[in-house]
Amino acid sequence: MAPLSQGEAQGIARQRLVKYCGSGCSRLAPVRTQKIKDRWLVDFEDPLHKFTVTVEDNGSAKVTTWSK
C-alpha cells in the first residue's frame, strides 16, 4: 500500500472528525498537518475544543480531544 499524501490524510481526518462530533462540533477549522514516521497528525479547532486526528498510512484514524 502506498503512503497517504497530505491531502488524502486531511480528507480522512475531516471525515473521521465529522463522524466523531456529529452535530456537536461547530466551525471546525484546520490548524496544522504534520507527518511523523508512518502517520499524519491533523489538528483542528472549534471555539471550545482542540482536536488531533492521527491518520495511519492504512487509512485508519483516531481522534483525540482537548478542551480550551
PDB file of N, CA and C in Angstrom:
ATOM      1  N   MET A   1       0.847  -1.180   0.000  1.00  0.00           N
ATOM      2  CA  MET A   1       0.000   0.000   0.000  1.00  0.00           C
ATOM      3  C   MET A   1       0.891   1.240   0.000  1.00  0.00           C
ATOM      4  N   ALA A   2       0.567   2.191  -0.850  1.00  0.00           N
ATOM      5  CA  ALA A   2       1.347   3.424  -0.960  1.00  0.00           C
ATOM      6  C   ALA A   2       1.037   4.353   0.213  1.00  0.00           C
ATOM      7  N   PRO A   3       2.022   5.124   0.647  1.00  0.00           N
ATOM      8  CA  PRO A   3       1.774   6.095   1.723  1.00  0.00           C
ATOM      9  C   PRO A   3       0.719   7.129   1.302  1.00  0.00           C
ATOM     10  N   LEU A   4       0.002   7.637   2.276  1.00  0.00           N
ATOM     11  CA  LEU A   4      -1.001   8.665   2.028  1.00  0.00           C
ATOM     12  C   LEU A   4      -0.337  10.003   1.749  1.00  0.00           C
ATOM     13  N   SER A   5      -0.946  10.782   0.881  1.00  0.00           N
ATOM     14  CA  SER A   5      -0.482  12.155   0.677  1.00  0.00           C
ATOM     15  C   SER A   5      -1.074  13.031   1.781  1.00  0.00           C
ATOM     16  N   GLN A   6      -0.583  14.235   1.891  1.00  0.00           N
ATOM     17  CA  GLN A   6      -1.098  15.164   2.899  1.00  0.00           C
ATOM     18  C   GLN A   6      -2.584  15.434   2.654  1.00  0.00           C
ATOM     19  N   GLY A   7      -2.959  15.647   1.419  1.00  0.00           N
ATOM     20  CA  GLY A   7      -4.360  15.920   1.093  1.00  0.00           C
ATOM     21  C   GLY A   7      -5.274  14.751   1.432  1.00  0.00           C
ATOM     22  N   GLU A   8      -4.824  13.531   1.142  1.00  0.00           N
ATOM     23  CA  GLU A   8      -5.608  12.342   1.485  1.00  0.00           C
ATOM     24  C   GLU A   8      -5.783  12.230   2.990  1.00  0.00           C
ATOM     25  N   ALA A   9      -4.702  12.466   3.729  1.00  0.00           N
ATOM     26  CA  ALA A   9      -4.758  12.391   5.193  1.00  0.00           C
ATOM     27  C   ALA A   9      -5.709  13.447   5.754  1.00  0.00           C
ATOM     28  N   GLN A  10      -5.676  14.643   5.218  1.00  0.00           N
ATOM     29  CA  GLN A  10      -6.575  15.706   5.679  1.00  0.00           C
ATOM     30  C   GLN A  10      -8.032  15.351   5.392  1.00  0.00           C
ATOM     31  N   GLY A  11      -8.293  14.759   4.240  1.00  0.00           N
ATOM     32  CA  GLY A  11      -9.653  14.346   3.903  1.00  0.00           C
ATOM     33  C   GLY A  11     -10.173  13.272   4.836  1.00  0.00           C
ATOM     34  N   ILE A  12      -9.350  12.261   5.112  1.00  0.00           N
ATOM     35  CA  ILE A  12      -9.726  11.196   6.041  1.00  0.00           C
ATOM     36  C   ILE A  12      -9.950  11.779   7.429  1.00  0.00           C
ATOM     37  N   ALA A  13      -9.067  12.686   7.850  1.00  0.00           N
ATOM     38  CA  ALA A  13      -9.172  13.295   9.179  1.00  0.00           C
ATOM     39  C   ALA A  13     -10.472  14.072   9.320  1.00  0.00           C
ATOM     40  N   ARG A  14     -10.816  14.864   8.316  1.00  0.00           N
ATOM     41  CA  ARG A  14     -12.051  15.655   8.385  1.00  0.00           C
ATOM     42  C   ARG A  14     -13.270  14.732   8.440  1.00  0.00           C
ATOM     43  N   GLN A  15     -13.303  13.688   7.623  1.00  0.00           N
ATOM     44  CA  GLN A  15     -14.422  12.743   7.638  1.00  0.00           C
ATOM     45  C   GLN A  15     -14.542  12.073   9.002  1.00  0.00           C
ATOM     46  N   ARG A  16     -13.430  11.663   9.575  1.00  0.00           N
ATOM     47  CA  ARG A  16     -13.439  10.990  10.874  1.00  0.00           C
ATOM     48  C   ARG A  16     -13.902  11.938  11.964  1.00  0.00           C
ATOM     49  N   LEU A  17     -13.460  13.184  11.908  1.00  0.00           N
ATOM     50  CA  LEU A  17     -13.830  14.160  12.924  1.00  0.00           C
ATOM     51  C   LEU A  17     -15.316  14.497  12.842  1.00  0.00           C
ATOM     52  N   VAL A  18     -15.855  14.631  11.642  1.00  0.00           N
ATOM     53  CA  VAL A  18     -17.281  14.908  11.480  1.00  0.00           C
ATOM     54  C   VAL A  18     -18.089  13.729  12.031  1.00  0.00           C
ATOM     55  N   LYS A  19     -17.632  12.510  11.771  1.00  0.00           N
ATOM     56  CA  LYS A  19     -18.309  11.319  12.309  1.00  0.00           C
ATOM     57  C   LYS A  19     -18.224  11.304  13.837  1.00  0.00           C
ATOM     58  N   TYR A  20     -17.069  11.660  14.377  1.00  0.00           N
ATOM     59  CA  TYR A  20     -16.842  11.684  15.821  1.00  0.00           C
ATOM     60  C   TYR A  20     -17.736  12.714  16.507  1.00  0.00           C
ATOM     61  N   CYS A  21     -17.827  13.898  15.919  1.00  0.00           N
ATOM     62  CA  CYS A  21     -18.551  15.007  16.539  1.00  0.00           C
ATOM     63  C   CYS A  21     -20.053  14.950  16.316  1.00  0.00           C
ATOM     64  N   GLY A  22     -20.479  14.426  15.189  1.00  0.00           N
ATOM     65  CA  GLY A  22     -21.882  14.533  14.837  1.00  0.00           C
ATOM     66  C   GLY A  22     -22.212  16.005  14.681  1.00  0.00           C
ATOM     67  N   SER A  23     -23.236  16.471  15.361  1.00  0.00           N
ATOM     68  CA  SER A  23     -23.587  17.890  15.298  1.00  0.00           C
ATOM     69  C   SER A  23     -22.996  18.665  16.477  1.00  0.00           C
ATOM     70  N   GLY A  24     -22.116  18.024  17.266  1.00  0.00           N
ATOM     71  CA  GLY A  24     -21.567  18.656  18.465  1.00  0.00           C
ATOM     72  C   GLY A  24     -20.402  19.591  18.242  1.00  0.00           C
ATOM     73  N   CYS A  25     -19.827  19.599  17.057  1.00  0.00           N
ATOM     74  CA  CYS A  25     -18.704  20.496  16.763  1.00  0.00           C
ATOM     75  C   CYS A  25     -19.184  21.578  15.817  1.00  0.00           C
ATOM     76  N   SER A  26     -18.811  22.784  16.124  1.00  0.00           N
ATOM     77  CA  SER A  26     -19.203  23.875  15.242  1.00  0.00           C
ATOM     78  C   SER A  26     -17.964  24.572  14.703  1.00  0.00           C
ATOM     79  N   ARG A  27     -18.045  25.023  13.495  1.00  0.00           N
ATOM     80  CA  ARG A  27     -16.982  25.818  12.875  1.00  0.00           C
ATOM     81  C   ARG A  27     -15.601  25.190  13.021  1.00  0.00           C
ATOM     82  N   LEU A  28     -15.464  23.949  12.591  1.00  0.00           N
ATOM     83  CA  LEU A  28     -14.160  23.288  12.621  1.00  0.00           C
ATOM     84  C   LEU A  28     -13.202  23.972  11.657  1.00  0.00           C
ATOM     85  N   ALA A  29     -12.024  24.280  12.142  1.00  0.00           N
ATOM     86  CA  ALA A  29     -11.014  24.926  11.306  1.00  0.00           C
ATOM     87  C   ALA A  29      -9.731  24.100  11.348  1.00  0.00           C
ATOM     88  N   PRO A  30      -9.162  23.761  10.188  1.00  0.00           N
ATOM     89  CA  PRO A  30      -7.870  23.063  10.189  1.00  0.00           C
ATOM     90  C   PRO A  30      -6.783  24.014  10.692  1.00  0.00           C
ATOM     91  N   VAL A  31      -5.865  23.479  11.477  1.00  0.00           N
ATOM     92  CA  VAL A  31      -4.820  24.311  12.061  1.00  0.00           C
ATOM     93  C   VAL A  31      -3.444  23.928  11.540  1.00  0.00           C
ATOM     94  N   ARG A  32      -3.130  22.621  11.571  1.00  0.00           N
ATOM     95  CA  ARG A  32      -1.790  22.173  11.187  1.00  0.00           C
ATOM     96  C   ARG A  32      -1.839  20.708  10.799  1.00  0.00           C
ATOM     97  N   THR A  33      -0.990  20.325   9.864  1.00  0.00           N
ATOM     98  CA  THR A  33      -0.836  18.936   9.465  1.00  0.00           C
ATOM     99  C   THR A  33       0.645  18.629   9.431  1.00  0.00           C
ATOM    100  N   GLN A  34       1.032  17.517  10.077  1.00  0.00           N
ATOM    101  CA  GLN A  34       2.442  17.137  10.049  1.00  0.00           C
ATOM    102  C   GLN A  34       2.579  15.633   9.918  1.00  0.00           C
ATOM    103  N   LYS A  35       3.619  15.204   9.211  1.00  0.00           N
ATOM    104  CA  LYS A  35       3.911  13.786   9.021  1.00  0.00           C
ATOM    105  C   LYS A  35       4.969  13.386  10.036  1.00  0.00           C
ATOM    106  N   ILE A  36       4.687  12.344  10.806  1.00  0.00           N
ATOM    107  CA  ILE A  36       5.650  11.804  11.752  1.00  0.00           C
ATOM    108  C   ILE A  36       5.732  10.306  11.503  1.00  0.00           C
ATOM    109  N   LYS A  37       6.874   9.878  11.011  1.00  0.00           N
ATOM    110  CA  LYS A  37       7.109   8.483  10.614  1.00  0.00           C
ATOM    111  C   LYS A  37       6.039   8.030   9.635  1.00  0.00           C
ATOM    112  N   ASP A  38       5.215   7.047  10.001  1.00  0.00           N
ATOM    113  CA  ASP A  38       4.240   6.482   9.063  1.00  0.00           C
ATOM    114  C   ASP A  38       2.818   6.944   9.359  1.00  0.00           C
ATOM    115  N   ARG A  39       2.673   8.101  10.014  1.00  0.00           N
ATOM    116  CA  ARG A  39       1.337   8.613  10.317  1.00  0.00           C
ATOM    117  C   ARG A  39       1.294  10.122  10.145  1.00  0.00           C
ATOM    118  N   TRP A  40       0.082  10.619   9.943  1.00  0.00           N
ATOM    119  CA  TRP A  40      -0.168  12.052   9.841  1.00  0.00           C
ATOM    120  C   TRP A  40      -0.905  12.511  11.085  1.00  0.00           C
ATOM    121  N   LEU A  41      -0.534  13.665  11.608  1.00  0.00           N
ATOM    122  CA  LEU A  41      -1.260  14.315  12.695  1.00  0.00           C
ATOM    123  C   LEU A  41      -1.924  15.552  12.100  1.00  0.00           C
ATOM    124  N   VAL A  42      -3.249  15.566  12.141  1.00  0.00           N
ATOM    125  CA  VAL A  42      -4.013  16.659  11.559  1.00  0.00           C
ATOM    126  C   VAL A  42      -4.763  17.357  12.699  1.00  0.00           C
ATOM    127  N   ASP A  43      -4.439  18.624  12.935  1.00  0.00           N
ATOM    128  CA  ASP A  43      -5.024  19.386  14.038  1.00  0.00           C
ATOM    129  C   ASP A  43      -6.158  20.272  13.539  1.00  0.00           C
ATOM    130  N   PHE A  44      -7.238  20.314  14.339  1.00  0.00           N
ATOM    131  CA  PHE A  44      -8.402  21.159  14.073  1.00  0.00           C
ATOM    132  C   PHE A  44      -8.761  21.879  15.363  1.00  0.00           C
ATOM    133  N   GLU A  45      -9.494  22.975  15.235  1.00  0.00           N
ATOM    134  CA  GLU A  45     -10.041  23.687  16.392  1.00  0.00           C
ATOM    135  C   GLU A  45     -11.475  24.093  16.105  1.00  0.00           C
ATOM    136  N   ASP A  46     -12.253  24.184  17.171  1.00  0.00           N
ATOM    137  CA  ASP A  46     -13.530  24.883  17.118  1.00  0.00           C
ATOM    138  C   ASP A  46     -13.514  25.836  18.307  1.00  0.00           C
ATOM    139  N   PRO A  47     -14.543  26.608  18.540  1.00  0.00           N
ATOM    140  CA  PRO A  47     -14.472  27.598  19.622  1.00  0.00           C
ATOM    141  C   PRO A  47     -14.217  27.007  21.015  1.00  0.00           C
ATOM    142  N   LEU A  48     -14.566  25.747  21.237  1.00  0.00           N
ATOM    143  CA  LEU A  48     -14.439  25.167  22.574  1.00  0.00           C
ATOM    144  C   LEU A  48     -13.388  24.072  22.707  1.00  0.00           C
ATOM    145  N   HIS A  49     -12.907  23.503  21.593  1.00  0.00           N
ATOM    146  CA  HIS A  49     -12.036  22.329  21.654  1.00  0.00           C
ATOM    147  C   HIS A  49     -10.880  22.418  20.668  1.00  0.00           C
ATOM    148  N   LYS A  50      -9.858  21.627  20.966  1.00  0.00           N
ATOM    149  CA  LYS A  50      -8.774  21.351  20.027  1.00  0.00           C
ATOM    150  C   LYS A  50      -8.830  19.850  19.753  1.00  0.00           C
ATOM    151  N   PHE A  51      -8.617  19.467  18.511  1.00  0.00           N
ATOM    152  CA  PHE A  51      -8.675  18.065  18.107  1.00  0.00           C
ATOM    153  C   PHE A  51      -7.406  17.708  17.353  1.00  0.00           C
ATOM    154  N   THR A  52      -6.885  16.514  17.603  1.00  0.00           N
ATOM    155  CA  THR A  52      -5.836  15.950  16.769  1.00  0.00           C
ATOM    156  C   THR A  52      -6.366  14.634  16.239  1.00  0.00           C
ATOM    157  N   VAL A  53      -6.332  14.491  14.921  1.00  0.00           N
ATOM    158  CA  VAL A  53      -6.719  13.232  14.297  1.00  0.00           C
ATOM    159  C   VAL A  53      -5.433  12.577  13.805  1.00  0.00           C
ATOM    160  N   THR A  54      -5.146  11.390  14.307  1.00  0.00           N
ATOM    161  CA  THR A  54      -3.990  10.618  13.881  1.00  0.00           C
ATOM    162  C   THR A  54      -4.445   9.705  12.758  1.00  0.00           C
ATOM    163  N   VAL A  55      -3.831   9.860  11.591  1.00  0.00           N
ATOM    164  CA  VAL A  55      -4.204   9.072  10.418  1.00  0.00           C
ATOM    165  C   VAL A  55      -3.018   8.186  10.036  1.00  0.00           C
ATOM    166  N   GLU A  56      -3.235   6.876  10.082  1.00  0.00           N
ATOM    167  CA  GLU A  56      -2.207   5.906   9.703  1.00  0.00           C
ATOM    168  C   GLU A  56      -2.171   5.766   8.185  1.00  0.00           C
ATOM    169  N   ASP A  57      -1.053   5.283   7.651  1.00  0.00           N
ATOM    170  CA  ASP A  57      -0.935   5.095   6.206  1.00  0.00           C
ATOM    171  C   ASP A  57      -1.949   4.101   5.653  1.00  0.00           C
ATOM    172  N   ASN A  58      -2.508   3.231   6.514  1.00  0.00           N
ATOM    173  CA  ASN A  58      -3.521   2.282   6.040  1.00  0.00           C
ATOM    174  C   ASN A  58      -4.921   2.901   6.018  1.00  0.00           C
ATOM    175  N   GLY A  59      -5.035   4.180   6.422  1.00  0.00           N
ATOM    176  CA  GLY A  59      -6.311   4.883   6.372  1.00  0.00           C
ATOM    177  C   GLY A  59      -7.085   4.889   7.675  1.00  0.00           C
ATOM    178  N   SER A  60      -6.638   4.151   8.686  1.00  0.00           N
ATOM    179  CA  SER A  60      -7.342   4.186   9.972  1.00  0.00           C
ATOM    180  C   SER A  60      -7.046   5.518  10.667  1.00  0.00           C
ATOM    181  N   ALA A  61      -8.005   5.979  11.483  1.00  0.00           N
ATOM    182  CA  ALA A  61      -7.862   7.284  12.116  1.00  0.00           C
ATOM    183  C   ALA A  61      -8.407   7.250  13.539  1.00  0.00           C
ATOM    184  N   LYS A  62      -7.792   8.058  14.405  1.00  0.00           N
ATOM    185  CA  LYS A  62      -8.188   8.154  15.808  1.00  0.00           C
ATOM    186  C   LYS A  62      -8.234   9.629  16.189  1.00  0.00           C
ATOM    187  N   VAL A  63      -9.284  10.017  16.915  1.00  0.00           N
ATOM    188  CA  VAL A  63      -9.463  11.417  17.328  1.00  0.00           C
ATOM    189  C   VAL A  63      -9.095  11.567  18.800  1.00  0.00           C
ATOM    190  N   THR A  64      -8.324  12.607  19.118  1.00  0.00           N
ATOM    191  CA  THR A  64      -8.028  12.995  20.487  1.00  0.00           C
ATOM    192  C   THR A  64      -8.546  14.425  20.672  1.00  0.00           C
ATOM    193  N   THR A  65      -9.211  14.676  21.807  1.00  0.00           N
ATOM    194  CA  THR A  65      -9.858  15.972  22.051  1.00  0.00           C
ATOM    195  C   THR A  65      -9.347  16.623  23.321  1.00  0.00           C
ATOM    196  N   TRP A  66      -9.171  17.943  23.274  1.00  0.00           N
ATOM    197  CA  TRP A  66      -8.818  18.732  24.452  1.00  0.00           C
ATOM    198  C   TRP A  66      -9.777  19.902  24.545  1.00  0.00           C
ATOM    199  N   SER A  67     -10.166  20.259  25.758  1.00  0.00           N
ATOM    200  CA  SER A  67     -10.952  21.481  25.965  1.00  0.00           C
ATOM    201  C   SER A  67     -10.007  22.671  25.984  1.00  0.00           C
ATOM    202  N   LYS A  68     -10.495  23.801  25.502  1.00  0.00           N
ATOM    203  CA  LYS A  68      -9.678  25.021  25.516  1.00  0.00           C
ATOM    204  C   LYS A  68      -9.778  25.687  26.861  1.00  0.00           C
TER     205      LYS A  68
END
